[in-house]
Amino acid sequence: MASNRTLRINEEIQKVLSEDIRTLKDPRVQGLISVTEVEATGDLRYAKVYISVLEKERSKEVLKGLKSASGFLRRSLGTKLQLRYTPELIFVEDNSIERGAHIFDILSKLDIPEDDADESAE
């Protein structure tokens, strides 16, 4: 389990990267891109950055663009956060929003009859 300090640093990294990704001029990194989560290692040498892209067909292209801009993003992160080590950024596609929407669709299609026993007890 991550320490409280690591959790706070993860949140700060997420905020800074969300702002910095919007300023990138790479045409591959355009559109609605969200940083959904950051998981830094205990020694803060590496950080997995989970990215959600609205247009799923462009997600591989966006990840390539972010990987090529990782040096710039890391340097920007280092100047904004005063840490001993600036973590190396590893970008990973996050499909949790899509999976959640799919589960919601499945649940909404189920035909579950209401229980009349609960209503009569009230």
PDB file of N, CA and C in Angstrom:
ATOM      1  N   MET A   1       0.845  -1.188   0.000  1.00  0.00           N
ATOM      2  CA  MET A   1       0.000   0.000   0.000  1.00  0.00           C
ATOM      3  C   MET A   1       0.881   1.238   0.000  1.00  0.00           C
ATOM      4  N   ALA A   2       0.493   2.215  -0.771  1.00  0.00           N
ATOM      5  CA  ALA A   2       1.270   3.439  -0.897  1.00  0.00           C
ATOM      6  C   ALA A   2       1.134   4.290   0.355  1.00  0.00           C
ATOM      7  N   SER A   3       2.214   4.981   0.673  1.00  0.00           N
ATOM      8  CA  SER A   3       2.176   5.851   1.848  1.00  0.00           C
ATOM      9  C   SER A   3       1.369   7.108   1.543  1.00  0.00           C
ATOM     10  N   ASN A   4       1.046   7.824   2.585  1.00  0.00           N
ATOM     11  CA  ASN A   4       0.267   9.052   2.433  1.00  0.00           C
ATOM     12  C   ASN A   4       1.037  10.081   1.598  1.00  0.00           C
ATOM     13  N   ARG A   5       2.332  10.141   1.782  1.00  0.00           N
ATOM     14  CA  ARG A   5       3.167  11.072   1.015  1.00  0.00           C
ATOM     15  C   ARG A   5       3.134  10.726  -0.469  1.00  0.00           C
ATOM     16  N   THR A   6       3.256   9.438  -0.776  1.00  0.00           N
ATOM     17  CA  THR A   6       3.232   9.009  -2.171  1.00  0.00           C
ATOM     18  C   THR A   6       1.883   9.310  -2.813  1.00  0.00           C
ATOM     19  N   LEU A   7       0.802   9.128  -2.064  1.00  0.00           N
ATOM     20  CA  LEU A   7      -0.530   9.437  -2.598  1.00  0.00           C
ATOM     21  C   LEU A   7      -0.666  10.927  -2.912  1.00  0.00           C
ATOM     22  N   ARG A   8      -0.142  11.778  -2.037  1.00  0.00           N
ATOM     23  CA  ARG A   8      -0.200  13.230  -2.294  1.00  0.00           C
ATOM     24  C   ARG A   8       0.647  13.599  -3.508  1.00  0.00           C
ATOM     25  N   ILE A   9       1.809  12.985  -3.633  1.00  0.00           N
ATOM     26  CA  ILE A   9       2.676  13.260  -4.784  1.00  0.00           C
ATOM     27  C   ILE A   9       1.999  12.785  -6.068  1.00  0.00           C
ATOM     28  N   ASN A  10       1.328  11.625  -6.014  1.00  0.00           N
ATOM     29  CA  ASN A  10       0.593  11.129  -7.187  1.00  0.00           C
ATOM     30  C   ASN A  10      -0.455  12.145  -7.634  1.00  0.00           C
ATOM     31  N   GLU A  11      -1.177  12.720  -6.681  1.00  0.00           N
ATOM     32  CA  GLU A  11      -2.199  13.720  -7.012  1.00  0.00           C
ATOM     33  C   GLU A  11      -1.577  14.966  -7.632  1.00  0.00           C
ATOM     34  N   GLU A  12      -0.453  15.410  -7.086  1.00  0.00           N
ATOM     35  CA  GLU A  12       0.216  16.600  -7.627  1.00  0.00           C
ATOM     36  C   GLU A  12       0.742  16.336  -9.035  1.00  0.00           C
ATOM     37  N   ILE A  13       1.315  15.158  -9.252  1.00  0.00           N
ATOM     38  CA  ILE A  13       1.801  14.803 -10.585  1.00  0.00           C
ATOM     39  C   ILE A  13       0.634  14.788 -11.566  1.00  0.00           C
ATOM     40  N   GLN A  14      -0.492  14.252 -11.147  1.00  0.00           N
ATOM     41  CA  GLN A  14      -1.682  14.196 -12.001  1.00  0.00           C
ATOM     42  C   GLN A  14      -2.142  15.596 -12.378  1.00  0.00           C
ATOM     43  N   LYS A  15      -2.185  16.517 -11.422  1.00  0.00           N
ATOM     44  CA  LYS A  15      -2.603  17.897 -11.710  1.00  0.00           C
ATOM     45  C   LYS A  15      -1.663  18.572 -12.699  1.00  0.00           C
ATOM     46  N   VAL A  16      -0.362  18.463 -12.433  1.00  0.00           N
ATOM     47  CA  VAL A  16       0.622  19.139 -13.284  1.00  0.00           C
ATOM     48  C   VAL A  16       0.595  18.567 -14.698  1.00  0.00           C
ATOM     49  N   LEU A  17       0.535  17.241 -14.819  1.00  0.00           N
ATOM     50  CA  LEU A  17       0.521  16.629 -16.152  1.00  0.00           C
ATOM     51  C   LEU A  17      -0.752  16.968 -16.914  1.00  0.00           C
ATOM     52  N   SER A  18      -1.879  17.044 -16.210  1.00  0.00           N
ATOM     53  CA  SER A  18      -3.137  17.411 -16.884  1.00  0.00           C
ATOM     54  C   SER A  18      -3.027  18.791 -17.511  1.00  0.00           C
ATOM     55  N   GLU A  19      -2.399  19.714 -16.809  1.00  0.00           N
ATOM     56  CA  GLU A  19      -2.220  21.068 -17.341  1.00  0.00           C
ATOM     57  C   GLU A  19      -1.205  21.079 -18.480  1.00  0.00           C
ATOM     58  N   ASP A  20      -0.098  20.372 -18.291  1.00  0.00           N
ATOM     59  CA  ASP A  20       0.977  20.407 -19.284  1.00  0.00           C
ATOM     60  C   ASP A  20       0.602  19.699 -20.586  1.00  0.00           C
ATOM     61  N   ILE A  21      -0.197  18.650 -20.515  1.00  0.00           N
ATOM     62  CA  ILE A  21      -0.593  17.933 -21.727  1.00  0.00           C
ATOM     63  C   ILE A  21      -1.426  18.839 -22.627  1.00  0.00           C
ATOM     64  N   ARG A  22      -2.213  19.717 -22.032  1.00  0.00           N
ATOM     65  CA  ARG A  22      -3.032  20.644 -22.836  1.00  0.00           C
ATOM     66  C   ARG A  22      -2.172  21.642 -23.609  1.00  0.00           C
ATOM     67  N   THR A  23      -0.966  21.925 -23.116  1.00  0.00           N
ATOM     68  CA  THR A  23      -0.105  22.910 -23.775  1.00  0.00           C
ATOM     69  C   THR A  23       0.777  22.306 -24.857  1.00  0.00           C
ATOM     70  N   LEU A  24       0.777  20.980 -25.002  1.00  0.00           N
ATOM     71  CA  LEU A  24       1.622  20.351 -26.016  1.00  0.00           C
ATOM     72  C   LEU A  24       1.159  20.739 -27.415  1.00  0.00           C
ATOM     73  N   LYS A  25       2.121  20.952 -28.295  1.00  0.00           N
ATOM     74  CA  LYS A  25       1.801  21.361 -29.657  1.00  0.00           C
ATOM     75  C   LYS A  25       1.877  20.198 -30.641  1.00  0.00           C
ATOM     76  N   ASP A  26       2.098  19.010 -30.143  1.00  0.00           N
ATOM     77  CA  ASP A  26       2.163  17.815 -30.983  1.00  0.00           C
ATOM     78  C   ASP A  26       0.761  17.521 -31.532  1.00  0.00           C
ATOM     79  N   PRO A  27       0.605  17.420 -32.860  1.00  0.00           N
ATOM     80  CA  PRO A  27      -0.730  17.167 -33.416  1.00  0.00           C
ATOM     81  C   PRO A  27      -1.303  15.808 -33.021  1.00  0.00           C
ATOM     82  N   ARG A  28      -0.450  14.867 -32.616  1.00  0.00           N
ATOM     83  CA  ARG A  28      -0.953  13.563 -32.171  1.00  0.00           C
ATOM     84  C   ARG A  28      -1.645  13.656 -30.819  1.00  0.00           C
ATOM     85  N   VAL A  29      -1.288  14.673 -30.044  1.00  0.00           N
ATOM     86  CA  VAL A  29      -1.824  14.812 -28.683  1.00  0.00           C
ATOM     87  C   VAL A  29      -2.835  15.953 -28.677  1.00  0.00           C
ATOM     88  N   GLN A  30      -3.905  15.773 -29.418  1.00  0.00           N
ATOM     89  CA  GLN A  30      -4.979  16.762 -29.477  1.00  0.00           C
ATOM     90  C   GLN A  30      -6.295  16.071 -29.146  1.00  0.00           C
ATOM     91  N   GLY A  31      -7.285  16.840 -28.783  1.00  0.00           N
ATOM     92  CA  GLY A  31      -8.586  16.271 -28.450  1.00  0.00           C
ATOM     93  C   GLY A  31      -8.746  16.150 -26.947  1.00  0.00           C
ATOM     94  N   LEU A  32      -9.755  15.413 -26.555  1.00  0.00           N
ATOM     95  CA  LEU A  32     -10.057  15.246 -25.136  1.00  0.00           C
ATOM     96  C   LEU A  32      -9.230  14.099 -24.565  1.00  0.00           C
ATOM     97  N   ILE A  33      -8.208  14.465 -23.788  1.00  0.00           N
ATOM     98  CA  ILE A  33      -7.302  13.509 -23.166  1.00  0.00           C
ATOM     99  C   ILE A  33      -7.321  13.776 -21.675  1.00  0.00           C
ATOM    100  N   SER A  34      -7.549  12.726 -20.888  1.00  0.00           N
ATOM    101  CA  SER A  34      -7.624  12.875 -19.435  1.00  0.00           C
ATOM    102  C   SER A  34      -6.564  12.016 -18.761  1.00  0.00           C
ATOM    103  N   VAL A  35      -5.960  12.571 -17.729  1.00  0.00           N
ATOM    104  CA  VAL A  35      -5.069  11.803 -16.873  1.00  0.00           C
ATOM    105  C   VAL A  35      -5.948  11.267 -15.750  1.00  0.00           C
ATOM    106  N   THR A  36      -6.240   9.969 -15.790  1.00  0.00           N
ATOM    107  CA  THR A  36      -7.182   9.405 -14.825  1.00  0.00           C
ATOM    108  C   THR A  36      -6.522   9.016 -13.516  1.00  0.00           C
ATOM    109  N   GLU A  37      -5.255   8.607 -13.559  1.00  0.00           N
ATOM    110  CA  GLU A  37      -4.581   8.178 -12.336  1.00  0.00           C
ATOM    111  C   GLU A  37      -3.079   8.188 -12.547  1.00  0.00           C
ATOM    112  N   VAL A  38      -2.345   8.366 -11.466  1.00  0.00           N
ATOM    113  CA  VAL A  38      -0.889   8.275 -11.483  1.00  0.00           C
ATOM    114  C   VAL A  38      -0.482   7.351 -10.347  1.00  0.00           C
ATOM    115  N   GLU A  39       0.400   6.403 -10.652  1.00  0.00           N
ATOM    116  CA  GLU A  39       0.934   5.494  -9.640  1.00  0.00           C
ATOM    117  C   GLU A  39       2.450   5.601  -9.669  1.00  0.00           C
ATOM    118  N   ALA A  40       3.011   6.277  -8.679  1.00  0.00           N
ATOM    119  CA  ALA A  40       4.458   6.391  -8.570  1.00  0.00           C
ATOM    120  C   ALA A  40       4.987   5.259  -7.696  1.00  0.00           C
ATOM    121  N   THR A  41       6.195   4.813  -7.994  1.00  0.00           N
ATOM    122  CA  THR A  41       6.815   3.795  -7.160  1.00  0.00           C
ATOM    123  C   THR A  41       7.214   4.419  -5.830  1.00  0.00           C
ATOM    124  N   GLY A  42       7.517   3.592  -4.860  1.00  0.00           N
ATOM    125  CA  GLY A  42       7.859   4.081  -3.523  1.00  0.00           C
ATOM    126  C   GLY A  42       9.081   4.979  -3.504  1.00  0.00           C
ATOM    127  N   ASP A  43      10.056   4.706  -4.377  1.00  0.00           N
ATOM    128  CA  ASP A  43      11.257   5.536  -4.423  1.00  0.00           C
ATOM    129  C   ASP A  43      11.119   6.716  -5.388  1.00  0.00           C
ATOM    130  N   LEU A  44       9.953   6.867  -5.998  1.00  0.00           N
ATOM    131  CA  LEU A  44       9.626   7.962  -6.922  1.00  0.00           C
ATOM    132  C   LEU A  44      10.545   8.013  -8.142  1.00  0.00           C
ATOM    133  N   ARG A  45      11.049   6.865  -8.556  1.00  0.00           N
ATOM    134  CA  ARG A  45      11.881   6.826  -9.766  1.00  0.00           C
ATOM    135  C   ARG A  45      11.037   6.677 -11.027  1.00  0.00           C
ATOM    136  N   TYR A  46       9.902   6.004 -10.909  1.00  0.00           N
ATOM    137  CA  TYR A  46       9.011   5.769 -12.042  1.00  0.00           C
ATOM    138  C   TYR A  46       7.591   6.130 -11.659  1.00  0.00           C
ATOM    139  N   ALA A  47       6.816   6.559 -12.648  1.00  0.00           N
ATOM    140  CA  ALA A  47       5.403   6.849 -12.421  1.00  0.00           C
ATOM    141  C   ALA A  47       4.608   6.371 -13.635  1.00  0.00           C
ATOM    142  N   LYS A  48       3.628   5.499 -13.383  1.00  0.00           N
ATOM    143  CA  LYS A  48       2.710   5.082 -14.428  1.00  0.00           C
ATOM    144  C   LYS A  48       1.603   6.120 -14.504  1.00  0.00           C
ATOM    145  N   VAL A  49       1.401   6.654 -15.692  1.00  0.00           N
ATOM    146  CA  VAL A  49       0.381   7.669 -15.912  1.00  0.00           C
ATOM    147  C   VAL A  49      -0.701   7.049 -16.783  1.00  0.00           C
ATOM    148  N   TYR A  50      -1.899   6.905 -16.214  1.00  0.00           N
ATOM    149  CA  TYR A  50      -3.014   6.299 -16.925  1.00  0.00           C
ATOM    150  C   TYR A  50      -3.767   7.384 -17.695  1.00  0.00           C
ATOM    151  N   ILE A  51      -3.892   7.179 -19.007  1.00  0.00           N
ATOM    152  CA  ILE A  51      -4.467   8.161 -19.913  1.00  0.00           C
ATOM    153  C   ILE A  51      -5.757   7.608 -20.513  1.00  0.00           C
ATOM    154  N   SER A  52      -6.792   8.432 -20.519  1.00  0.00           N
ATOM    155  CA  SER A  52      -8.053   8.085 -21.154  1.00  0.00           C
ATOM    156  C   SER A  52      -8.271   9.037 -22.320  1.00  0.00           C
ATOM    157  N   VAL A  53      -8.589   8.466 -23.482  1.00  0.00           N
ATOM    158  CA  VAL A  53      -8.782   9.249 -24.699  1.00  0.00           C
ATOM    159  C   VAL A  53     -10.227   9.073 -25.149  1.00  0.00           C
ATOM    160  N   LEU A  54     -10.898  10.172 -25.463  1.00  0.00           N
ATOM    161  CA  LEU A  54     -12.291  10.100 -25.880  1.00  0.00           C
ATOM    162  C   LEU A  54     -12.441   9.321 -27.184  1.00  0.00           C
ATOM    163  N   GLU A  55     -11.600   9.620 -28.154  1.00  0.00           N
ATOM    164  CA  GLU A  55     -11.637   8.933 -29.446  1.00  0.00           C
ATOM    165  C   GLU A  55     -10.737   7.695 -29.361  1.00  0.00           C
ATOM    166  N   LYS A  56     -11.339   6.536 -29.133  1.00  0.00           N
ATOM    167  CA  LYS A  56     -10.574   5.306 -28.886  1.00  0.00           C
ATOM    168  C   LYS A  56      -9.681   4.905 -30.057  1.00  0.00           C
ATOM    169  N   GLU A  57     -10.085   5.238 -31.284  1.00  0.00           N
ATOM    170  CA  GLU A  57      -9.273   4.853 -32.439  1.00  0.00           C
ATOM    171  C   GLU A  57      -7.957   5.629 -32.496  1.00  0.00           C
ATOM    172  N   ARG A  58      -7.869   6.738 -31.783  1.00  0.00           N
ATOM    173  CA  ARG A  58      -6.646   7.547 -31.766  1.00  0.00           C
ATOM    174  C   ARG A  58      -5.769   7.271 -30.555  1.00  0.00           C
ATOM    175  N   SER A  59      -6.141   6.351 -29.687  1.00  0.00           N
ATOM    176  CA  SER A  59      -5.435   6.176 -28.425  1.00  0.00           C
ATOM    177  C   SER A  59      -3.976   5.751 -28.609  1.00  0.00           C
ATOM    178  N   LYS A  60      -3.691   4.868 -29.560  1.00  0.00           N
ATOM    179  CA  LYS A  60      -2.304   4.437 -29.798  1.00  0.00           C
ATOM    180  C   LYS A  60      -1.459   5.607 -30.280  1.00  0.00           C
ATOM    181  N   GLU A  61      -2.041   6.419 -31.148  1.00  0.00           N
ATOM    182  CA  GLU A  61      -1.342   7.594 -31.669  1.00  0.00           C
ATOM    183  C   GLU A  61      -1.052   8.600 -30.553  1.00  0.00           C
ATOM    184  N   VAL A  62      -2.027   8.801 -29.676  1.00  0.00           N
ATOM    185  CA  VAL A  62      -1.857   9.726 -28.550  1.00  0.00           C
ATOM    186  C   VAL A  62      -0.764   9.228 -27.619  1.00  0.00           C
ATOM    187  N   LEU A  63      -0.737   7.929 -27.337  1.00  0.00           N
ATOM    188  CA  LEU A  63       0.295   7.375 -26.461  1.00  0.00           C
ATOM    189  C   LEU A  63       1.687   7.537 -27.067  1.00  0.00           C
ATOM    190  N   LYS A  64       1.795   7.374 -28.389  1.00  0.00           N
ATOM    191  CA  LYS A  64       3.088   7.594 -29.053  1.00  0.00           C
ATOM    192  C   LYS A  64       3.526   9.049 -28.918  1.00  0.00           C
ATOM    193  N   GLY A  65       2.573   9.976 -29.092  1.00  0.00           N
ATOM    194  CA  GLY A  65       2.882  11.392 -28.946  1.00  0.00           C
ATOM    195  C   GLY A  65       3.306  11.739 -27.526  1.00  0.00           C
ATOM    196  N   LEU A  66       2.633  11.174 -26.543  1.00  0.00           N
ATOM    197  CA  LEU A  66       2.996  11.428 -25.149  1.00  0.00           C
ATOM    198  C   LEU A  66       4.358  10.830 -24.814  1.00  0.00           C
ATOM    199  N   LYS A  67       4.645   9.666 -25.382  1.00  0.00           N
ATOM    200  CA  LYS A  67       5.944   9.046 -25.135  1.00  0.00           C
ATOM    201  C   LYS A  67       7.068   9.908 -25.699  1.00  0.00           C
ATOM    202  N   SER A  68       6.831  10.486 -26.876  1.00  0.00           N
ATOM    203  CA  SER A  68       7.866  11.344 -27.459  1.00  0.00           C
ATOM    204  C   SER A  68       8.007  12.661 -26.704  1.00  0.00           C
ATOM    205  N   ALA A  69       6.940  13.099 -26.028  1.00  0.00           N
ATOM    206  CA  ALA A  69       6.987  14.341 -25.259  1.00  0.00           C
ATOM    207  C   ALA A  69       7.318  14.100 -23.788  1.00  0.00           C
ATOM    208  N   SER A  70       7.631  12.860 -23.420  1.00  0.00           N
ATOM    209  CA  SER A  70       7.839  12.547 -22.001  1.00  0.00           C
ATOM    210  C   SER A  70       9.027  13.309 -21.407  1.00  0.00           C
ATOM    211  N   GLY A  71      10.055  13.573 -22.193  1.00  0.00           N
ATOM    212  CA  GLY A  71      11.196  14.350 -21.688  1.00  0.00           C
ATOM    213  C   GLY A  71      10.789  15.762 -21.315  1.00  0.00           C
ATOM    214  N   PHE A  72      10.026  16.398 -22.194  1.00  0.00           N
ATOM    215  CA  PHE A  72       9.532  17.749 -21.921  1.00  0.00           C
ATOM    216  C   PHE A  72       8.630  17.751 -20.695  1.00  0.00           C
ATOM    217  N   LEU A  73       7.708  16.773 -20.621  1.00  0.00           N
ATOM    218  CA  LEU A  73       6.778  16.700 -19.494  1.00  0.00           C
ATOM    219  C   LEU A  73       7.523  16.430 -18.191  1.00  0.00           C
ATOM    220  N   ARG A  74       8.537  15.592 -18.244  1.00  0.00           N
ATOM    221  CA  ARG A  74       9.317  15.285 -17.041  1.00  0.00           C
ATOM    222  C   ARG A  74      10.090  16.508 -16.562  1.00  0.00           C
ATOM    223  N   ARG A  75      10.670  17.256 -17.479  1.00  0.00           N
ATOM    224  CA  ARG A  75      11.419  18.460 -17.105  1.00  0.00           C
ATOM    225  C   ARG A  75      10.475  19.501 -16.510  1.00  0.00           C
ATOM    226  N   SER A  76       9.300  19.651 -17.106  1.00  0.00           N
ATOM    227  CA  SER A  76       8.305  20.576 -16.577  1.00  0.00           C
ATOM    228  C   SER A  76       7.844  20.145 -15.188  1.00  0.00           C
ATOM    229  N   LEU A  77       7.656  18.853 -15.009  1.00  0.00           N
ATOM    230  CA  LEU A  77       7.263  18.312 -13.710  1.00  0.00           C
ATOM    231  C   LEU A  77       8.340  18.587 -12.664  1.00  0.00           C
ATOM    232  N   GLY A  78       9.584  18.439 -13.053  1.00  0.00           N
ATOM    233  CA  GLY A  78      10.698  18.678 -12.133  1.00  0.00           C
ATOM    234  C   GLY A  78      10.801  20.119 -11.672  1.00  0.00           C
ATOM    235  N   THR A  79      10.472  21.058 -12.564  1.00  0.00           N
ATOM    236  CA  THR A  79      10.544  22.464 -12.160  1.00  0.00           C
ATOM    237  C   THR A  79       9.359  22.877 -11.300  1.00  0.00           C
ATOM    238  N   LYS A  80       8.195  22.247 -11.504  1.00  0.00           N
ATOM    239  CA  LYS A  80       7.005  22.630 -10.744  1.00  0.00           C
ATOM    240  C   LYS A  80       6.916  21.929  -9.399  1.00  0.00           C
ATOM    241  N   LEU A  81       7.427  20.707  -9.311  1.00  0.00           N
ATOM    242  CA  LEU A  81       7.431  19.968  -8.046  1.00  0.00           C
ATOM    243  C   LEU A  81       8.875  19.850  -7.580  1.00  0.00           C
ATOM    244  N   GLN A  82       9.128  20.263  -6.390  1.00  0.00           N
ATOM    245  CA  GLN A  82      10.485  20.211  -5.863  1.00  0.00           C
ATOM    246  C   GLN A  82      10.721  18.857  -5.194  1.00  0.00           C
ATOM    247  N   LEU A  83      11.095  17.868  -6.005  1.00  0.00           N
ATOM    248  CA  LEU A  83      11.374  16.529  -5.514  1.00  0.00           C
ATOM    249  C   LEU A  83      12.853  16.220  -5.733  1.00  0.00           C
ATOM    250  N   ARG A  84      13.377  15.310  -4.930  1.00  0.00           N
ATOM    251  CA  ARG A  84      14.767  14.912  -5.110  1.00  0.00           C
ATOM    252  C   ARG A  84      14.952  14.233  -6.469  1.00  0.00           C
ATOM    253  N   TYR A  85      14.025  13.349  -6.817  1.00  0.00           N
ATOM    254  CA  TYR A  85      14.057  12.669  -8.104  1.00  0.00           C
ATOM    255  C   TYR A  85      12.760  12.954  -8.841  1.00  0.00           C
ATOM    256  N   THR A  86      12.889  13.317 -10.091  1.00  0.00           N
ATOM    257  CA  THR A  86      11.701  13.470 -10.929  1.00  0.00           C
ATOM    258  C   THR A  86      11.447  12.123 -11.587  1.00  0.00           C
ATOM    259  N   PRO A  87      10.268  11.559 -11.374  1.00  0.00           N
ATOM    260  CA  PRO A  87      10.029  10.204 -11.886  1.00  0.00           C
ATOM    261  C   PRO A  87      10.009  10.136 -13.407  1.00  0.00           C
ATOM    262  N   GLU A  88      10.468   8.989 -13.922  1.00  0.00           N
ATOM    263  CA  GLU A  88      10.368   8.707 -15.341  1.00  0.00           C
ATOM    264  C   GLU A  88       8.913   8.354 -15.622  1.00  0.00           C
ATOM    265  N   LEU A  89       8.335   8.948 -16.651  1.00  0.00           N
ATOM    266  CA  LEU A  89       6.917   8.795 -16.928  1.00  0.00           C
ATOM    267  C   LEU A  89       6.666   7.649 -17.899  1.00  0.00           C
ATOM    268  N   ILE A  90       5.751   6.766 -17.514  1.00  0.00           N
ATOM    269  CA  ILE A  90       5.353   5.638 -18.349  1.00  0.00           C
ATOM    270  C   ILE A  90       3.861   5.807 -18.607  1.00  0.00           C
ATOM    271  N   PHE A  91       3.492   6.036 -19.859  1.00  0.00           N
ATOM    272  CA  PHE A  91       2.102   6.284 -20.213  1.00  0.00           C
ATOM    273  C   PHE A  91       1.403   4.973 -20.574  1.00  0.00           C
ATOM    274  N   VAL A  92       0.220   4.776 -19.968  1.00  0.00           N
ATOM    275  CA  VAL A  92      -0.571   3.556 -20.162  1.00  0.00           C
ATOM    276  C   VAL A  92      -1.998   3.967 -20.489  1.00  0.00           C
ATOM    277  N   GLU A  93      -2.596   3.261 -21.447  1.00  0.00           N
ATOM    278  CA  GLU A  93      -3.991   3.542 -21.801  1.00  0.00           C
ATOM    279  C   GLU A  93      -4.915   3.022 -20.706  1.00  0.00           C
ATOM    280  N   ASP A  94      -5.887   3.835 -20.309  1.00  0.00           N
ATOM    281  CA  ASP A  94      -6.844   3.463 -19.272  1.00  0.00           C
ATOM    282  C   ASP A  94      -8.210   3.263 -19.911  1.00  0.00           C
ATOM    283  N   ASN A  95      -8.724   2.051 -19.805  1.00  0.00           N
ATOM    284  CA  ASN A  95     -10.023   1.725 -20.389  1.00  0.00           C
ATOM    285  C   ASN A  95     -11.115   1.628 -19.333  1.00  0.00           C
ATOM    286  N   SER A  96     -10.862   2.104 -18.139  1.00  0.00           N
ATOM    287  CA  SER A  96     -11.830   1.923 -17.051  1.00  0.00           C
ATOM    288  C   SER A  96     -13.142   2.659 -17.316  1.00  0.00           C
ATOM    289  N   ILE A  97     -13.099   3.812 -17.939  1.00  0.00           N
ATOM    290  CA  ILE A  97     -14.326   4.564 -18.231  1.00  0.00           C
ATOM    291  C   ILE A  97     -15.166   3.791 -19.249  1.00  0.00           C
ATOM    292  N   GLU A  98     -14.512   3.249 -20.261  1.00  0.00           N
ATOM    293  CA  GLU A  98     -15.213   2.462 -21.279  1.00  0.00           C
ATOM    294  C   GLU A  98     -15.802   1.187 -20.667  1.00  0.00           C
ATOM    295  N   ARG A  99     -15.041   0.506 -19.811  1.00  0.00           N
ATOM    296  CA  ARG A  99     -15.552  -0.703 -19.158  1.00  0.00           C
ATOM    297  C   ARG A  99     -16.722  -0.379 -18.243  1.00  0.00           C
ATOM    298  N   GLY A 100     -16.644   0.732 -17.527  1.00  0.00           N
ATOM    299  CA  GLY A 100     -17.744   1.147 -16.657  1.00  0.00           C
ATOM    300  C   GLY A 100     -19.008   1.435 -17.446  1.00  0.00           C
ATOM    301  N   ALA A 101     -18.868   2.099 -18.586  1.00  0.00           N
ATOM    302  CA  ALA A 101     -20.032   2.383 -19.432  1.00  0.00           C
ATOM    303  C   ALA A 101     -20.628   1.094 -19.984  1.00  0.00           C
ATOM    304  N   HIS A 102     -19.772   0.143 -20.323  1.00  0.00           N
ATOM    305  CA  HIS A 102     -20.255  -1.140 -20.836  1.00  0.00           C
ATOM    306  C   HIS A 102     -21.027  -1.896 -19.754  1.00  0.00           C
ATOM    307  N   ILE A 103     -20.509  -1.904 -18.541  1.00  0.00           N
ATOM    308  CA  ILE A 103     -21.201  -2.572 -17.431  1.00  0.00           C
ATOM    309  C   ILE A 103     -22.534  -1.882 -17.147  1.00  0.00           C
ATOM    310  N   PHE A 104     -22.538  -0.552 -17.202  1.00  0.00           N
ATOM    311  CA  PHE A 104     -23.783   0.189 -16.993  1.00  0.00           C
ATOM    312  C   PHE A 104     -24.821  -0.175 -18.051  1.00  0.00           C
ATOM    313  N   ASP A 105     -24.387  -0.305 -19.308  1.00  0.00           N
ATOM    314  CA  ASP A 105     -25.307  -0.705 -20.383  1.00  0.00           C
ATOM    315  C   ASP A 105     -25.885  -2.095 -20.129  1.00  0.00           C
ATOM    316  N   ILE A 106     -25.036  -3.011 -19.701  1.00  0.00           N
ATOM    317  CA  ILE A 106     -25.505  -4.375 -19.419  1.00  0.00           C
ATOM    318  C   ILE A 106     -26.519  -4.355 -18.277  1.00  0.00           C
ATOM    319  N   LEU A 107     -26.220  -3.612 -17.229  1.00  0.00           N
ATOM    320  CA  LEU A 107     -27.136  -3.560 -16.085  1.00  0.00           C
ATOM    321  C   LEU A 107     -28.456  -2.886 -16.439  1.00  0.00           C
ATOM    322  N   SER A 108     -28.406  -1.890 -17.293  1.00  0.00           N
ATOM    323  CA  SER A 108     -29.646  -1.195 -17.656  1.00  0.00           C
ATOM    324  C   SER A 108     -30.538  -2.057 -18.557  1.00  0.00           C
ATOM    325  N   LYS A 109     -29.955  -3.028 -19.254  1.00  0.00           N
ATOM    326  CA  LYS A 109     -30.735  -3.909 -20.124  1.00  0.00           C
ATOM    327  C   LYS A 109     -31.388  -5.061 -19.356  1.00  0.00           C
ATOM    328  N   LEU A 110     -30.948  -5.301 -18.131  1.00  0.00           N
ATOM    329  CA  LEU A 110     -31.532  -6.394 -17.347  1.00  0.00           C
ATOM    330  C   LEU A 110     -32.959  -6.048 -16.948  1.00  0.00           C
ATOM    331  N   ASP A 111     -33.817  -7.046 -17.000  1.00  0.00           N
ATOM    332  CA  ASP A 111     -35.207  -6.855 -16.610  1.00  0.00           C
ATOM    333  C   ASP A 111     -35.393  -7.490 -15.228  1.00  0.00           C
ATOM    334  N   ILE A 112     -35.206  -6.686 -14.205  1.00  0.00           N
ATOM    335  CA  ILE A 112     -35.306  -7.171 -12.836  1.00  0.00           C
ATOM    336  C   ILE A 112     -36.622  -6.688 -12.262  1.00  0.00           C
ATOM    337  N   PRO A 113     -37.519  -7.623 -11.893  1.00  0.00           N
ATOM    338  CA  PRO A 113     -38.798  -7.198 -11.314  1.00  0.00           C
ATOM    339  C   PRO A 113     -38.586  -6.613  -9.924  1.00  0.00           C
ATOM    340  N   GLU A 114     -39.387  -5.611  -9.616  1.00  0.00           N
ATOM    341  CA  GLU A 114     -39.295  -4.987  -8.302  1.00  0.00           C
ATOM    342  C   GLU A 114     -39.888  -5.923  -7.264  1.00  0.00           C
ATOM    343  N   ASP A 115     -39.337  -5.901  -6.086  1.00  0.00           N
ATOM    344  CA  ASP A 115     -39.813  -6.758  -5.010  1.00  0.00           C
ATOM    345  C   ASP A 115     -40.956  -6.070  -4.272  1.00  0.00           C
ATOM    346  N   ASP A 116     -42.158  -6.632  -4.352  1.00  0.00           N
ATOM    347  CA  ASP A 116     -43.320  -6.016  -3.713  1.00  0.00           C
ATOM    348  C   ASP A 116     -43.292  -6.188  -2.201  1.00  0.00           C
ATOM    349  N   ALA A 117     -42.516  -7.153  -1.699  1.00  0.00           N
ATOM    350  CA  ALA A 117     -42.446  -7.412  -0.261  1.00  0.00           C
ATOM    351  C   ALA A 117     -41.815  -6.220   0.464  1.00  0.00           C
ATOM    352  N   ASP A 118     -40.835  -5.584  -0.164  1.00  0.00           N
ATOM    353  CA  ASP A 118     -40.168  -4.438   0.470  1.00  0.00           C
ATOM    354  C   ASP A 118     -41.131  -3.249   0.571  1.00  0.00           C
ATOM    355  N   GLU A 119     -41.951  -3.059  -0.431  1.00  0.00           N
ATOM    356  CA  GLU A 119     -42.877  -1.934  -0.431  1.00  0.00           C
ATOM    357  C   GLU A 119     -43.992  -2.117   0.609  1.00  0.00           C
ATOM    358  N   SER A 120     -44.467  -3.367   0.818  1.00  0.00           N
ATOM    359  CA  SER A 120     -45.549  -3.598   1.771  1.00  0.00           C
ATOM    360  C   SER A 120     -45.070  -3.527   3.208  1.00  0.00           C
ATOM    361  N   ALA A 121     -43.765  -3.693   3.437  1.00  0.00           N
ATOM    362  CA  ALA A 121     -43.215  -3.640   4.790  1.00  0.00           C
ATOM    363  C   ALA A 121     -43.175  -2.217   5.315  1.00  0.00           C
ATOM    364  N   GLU A 122     -43.159  -1.255   4.455  1.00  0.00           N
ATOM    365  CA  GLU A 122     -43.029   0.145   4.886  1.00  0.00           C
ATOM    366  C   GLU A 122     -44.259   0.687   5.405  1.00  0.00           C
TER     367      GLU A 122
END
